[in-house]
Amino acid sequence: MNIVFVFLTFFVWSTSFSLGKVALQASPPLFLTGFRMLLGGLILLAFLFLFRRKDLRIKKHHLFPLFLLSLSSVYI
């Protein structure tokens, strides 16, 4: 089973460069980066919602550090 994941990873990794070149011809780089981040965030939120629902709540003592991170444009 592990060899299947190795080949799947190889396939996804190798096609991403070709698809990236095609996508850059149709869209500006900043849009593609933002779309990638949005898509990744939505996938992570779906994962949290399905498997770790209790971790979706933001605690009060995390709000200020998250605010500071948002000001400095640092992604978690």
Protein backbone atom coordinates (compact mmCIF):
# COMPACT_ATOMS: atom_id res chain seq x y z
CA MET A 1 0.00 0.00 0.00
CA ASN A 2 2.87 2.39 0.71
CA ILE A 3 4.15 2.07 -2.85
CA VAL A 4 0.76 3.28 -4.11
CA PHE A 5 1.10 6.43 -2.01
CA VAL A 6 4.64 6.95 -3.30
CA PHE A 7 3.47 6.80 -6.91
CA LEU A 8 0.44 8.97 -6.16
CA THR A 9 2.70 11.58 -4.56
CA PHE A 10 5.07 11.41 -7.52
CA PHE A 11 2.19 11.88 -9.97
CA VAL A 12 0.66 14.84 -8.12
CA TRP A 13 4.04 16.51 -7.59
CA SER A 14 5.12 16.11 -11.21
CA THR A 15 1.86 17.36 -12.73
CA SER A 16 1.73 20.43 -10.49
CA PHE A 17 4.57 22.11 -12.40
CA SER A 18 2.93 21.56 -15.78
CA LEU A 19 -0.44 22.74 -14.51
CA GLY A 20 1.24 25.74 -12.88
CA LYS A 21 2.72 26.85 -16.19
CA VAL A 22 -0.66 26.61 -17.89
CA ALA A 23 -2.40 28.41 -15.02
CA LEU A 24 0.13 31.26 -15.10
CA GLN A 25 -0.76 31.93 -18.72
CA ALA A 26 -4.41 32.38 -17.78
CA SER A 27 -4.14 34.18 -14.41
CA PRO A 28 -1.75 36.51 -12.59
CA PRO A 29 0.62 34.94 -10.03
CA LEU A 30 -0.86 36.80 -7.05
CA PHE A 31 -4.33 35.47 -7.82
CA LEU A 32 -3.03 31.91 -8.10
CA THR A 33 -1.20 32.21 -4.78
CA GLY A 34 -4.30 33.57 -3.06
CA PHE A 35 -6.46 30.86 -4.59
CA ARG A 36 -4.00 28.18 -3.44
CA MET A 37 -4.06 29.53 0.11
CA LEU A 38 -7.86 29.75 0.10
CA LEU A 39 -8.21 26.22 -1.23
CA GLY A 40 -5.74 24.87 1.33
CA GLY A 41 -7.56 26.66 4.15
CA LEU A 42 -10.91 25.28 3.06
CA ILE A 43 -9.50 21.75 2.91
CA LEU A 44 -8.04 22.13 6.41
CA LEU A 45 -11.33 23.51 7.75
CA ALA A 46 -13.22 20.60 6.21
CA PHE A 47 -10.76 18.17 7.80
CA LEU A 48 -11.19 19.84 11.19
CA PHE A 49 -14.95 19.88 10.85
CA LEU A 50 -15.13 16.19 9.97
CA PHE A 51 -12.53 14.72 12.31
CA ARG A 52 -11.77 17.18 15.12
CA ARG A 53 -14.87 19.26 15.66
CA LYS A 54 -13.88 20.24 19.23
CA ASP A 55 -10.75 22.02 17.93
CA LEU A 56 -12.77 24.50 15.84
CA ARG A 57 -13.34 26.89 18.76
CA ILE A 58 -10.87 29.73 19.18
CA LYS A 59 -10.02 30.38 22.80
CA LYS A 60 -9.96 33.94 24.16
CA HIS A 61 -6.28 33.86 25.03
CA HIS A 62 -5.47 33.01 21.38
CA LEU A 63 -7.19 36.08 19.92
CA PHE A 64 -4.44 38.63 20.57
CA PRO A 65 -1.59 36.48 19.18
CA LEU A 66 -3.72 35.69 16.12
CA PHE A 67 -4.39 39.40 15.68
CA LEU A 68 -0.65 40.14 15.81
CA LEU A 69 0.04 37.39 13.28
CA SER A 70 -2.58 38.81 10.94
CA LEU A 71 -0.95 42.25 11.13
CA SER A 72 2.44 40.86 10.16
CA SER A 73 1.00 38.65 7.37
CA VAL A 74 2.37 35.46 8.91
CA TYR A 75 0.50 32.27 8.09
CA ILE A 76 0.13 29.46 10.58
